[in-house]
Amino acid sequence: MKQGLHPENYRLVAFKDMSNDDVFLTKSTVDTKETLEVEGVQYPLFKLEISRTSHPFYTGKSKLIDTAGRIDKFKTKYAKFKK
């Protein structure tokens, strides 16, 4: 195996799923600016939009997205530019 290929700065990092506030710890080298206290210990915090606890593939549940509402908002926002 080649020497000096893998990073040396692995540490425990808290990953937080912002869609359901689930937090899990794993080793990582990701750079972070925030910290989070988990069970009395401070860990670097990395925020995720989606994780295994909220992704439909893993949960088996579909999340209903309000596409009709988005389209209506778009139409009303840009109706003033219509000629």
Protein backbone atom coordinates (compact mmCIF):
# COMPACT_ATOMS: atom_id res chain seq x y z
CA MET A 1 0.00 0.00 0.00
CA LYS A 2 1.29 3.50 -0.85
CA GLN A 3 2.46 5.63 2.06
CA GLY A 4 1.17 9.19 2.55
CA LEU A 5 -1.93 8.62 0.41
CA HIS A 6 -4.62 8.69 3.08
CA PRO A 7 -5.38 11.64 5.39
CA GLU A 8 -4.20 11.47 8.98
CA ASN A 9 -6.73 13.83 10.61
CA TYR A 10 -9.72 11.54 11.13
CA ARG A 11 -11.88 12.52 14.09
CA LEU A 12 -15.44 11.99 15.29
CA VAL A 13 -17.84 14.42 13.60
CA ALA A 14 -21.55 14.97 14.30
CA PHE A 15 -23.64 14.89 11.12
CA LYS A 16 -27.08 16.50 11.50
CA ASP A 17 -29.93 15.88 9.06
CA MET A 18 -31.68 19.25 8.82
CA SER A 19 -34.95 17.79 7.52
CA ASN A 20 -35.65 15.71 10.65
CA ASP A 21 -32.97 16.85 13.16
CA ASP A 22 -31.42 13.36 13.40
CA VAL A 23 -27.78 13.40 14.57
CA PHE A 24 -25.23 10.64 14.10
CA LEU A 25 -21.51 10.41 14.82
CA THR A 26 -18.92 9.00 12.49
CA LYS A 27 -15.24 9.49 11.74
CA SER A 28 -14.49 12.07 9.06
CA THR A 29 -11.91 14.60 7.83
CA VAL A 30 -14.52 17.19 6.78
CA ASP A 31 -13.74 20.82 7.70
CA THR A 32 -16.39 22.45 9.90
CA LYS A 33 -16.84 25.78 11.64
CA GLU A 34 -19.67 24.83 14.04
CA THR A 35 -19.81 22.43 16.97
CA LEU A 36 -22.59 20.45 18.60
CA GLU A 37 -22.81 18.92 22.05
CA VAL A 38 -23.84 15.26 22.03
CA GLU A 39 -24.16 13.49 25.40
CA GLY A 40 -22.00 16.14 27.10
CA VAL A 41 -19.17 16.06 24.53
CA GLN A 42 -18.50 18.76 21.90
CA TYR A 43 -18.08 17.51 18.32
CA PRO A 44 -17.51 19.34 15.03
CA LEU A 45 -20.89 19.72 13.25
CA PHE A 46 -21.63 19.07 9.58
CA LYS A 47 -25.18 19.81 8.39
CA LEU A 48 -26.86 17.58 5.78
CA GLU A 49 -29.96 18.30 3.71
CA ILE A 50 -30.86 14.62 3.53
CA SER A 51 -29.49 11.43 5.06
CA ARG A 52 -30.36 7.76 5.43
CA THR A 53 -32.96 8.65 8.06
CA SER A 54 -34.94 10.93 5.73
CA HIS A 55 -34.26 9.69 2.19
CA PRO A 56 -37.32 7.98 0.63
CA PHE A 57 -35.21 5.06 -0.64
CA TYR A 58 -34.22 4.09 2.92
CA THR A 59 -37.42 5.07 4.72
CA GLY A 60 -39.83 3.62 2.15
CA LYS A 61 -41.99 6.71 2.41
CA SER A 62 -42.53 9.37 -0.24
CA LYS A 63 -42.44 12.97 0.77
CA LEU A 64 -45.23 15.05 -0.75
CA ILE A 65 -43.83 18.10 -2.49
CA ASP A 66 -46.13 21.06 -3.04
CA THR A 67 -45.42 21.49 -6.76
CA ALA A 68 -48.80 23.08 -7.50
CA GLY A 69 -48.14 25.72 -4.85
CA ARG A 70 -44.71 26.40 -6.30
CA ILE A 71 -46.11 26.82 -9.79
CA ASP A 72 -48.79 29.21 -8.57
CA LYS A 73 -46.20 31.27 -6.70
CA PHE A 74 -44.03 31.40 -9.81
CA LYS A 75 -46.92 32.51 -12.01
CA THR A 76 -48.02 35.27 -9.62
CA LYS A 77 -44.44 36.48 -9.14
CA TYR A 78 -43.76 36.80 -12.88
CA ALA A 79 -47.26 37.82 -13.99
CA LYS A 80 -46.20 41.47 -13.96
CA PHE A 81 -43.67 40.79 -16.74
CA LYS A 82 -46.29 39.21 -18.97
CA LYS A 83 -47.12 41.28 -22.07
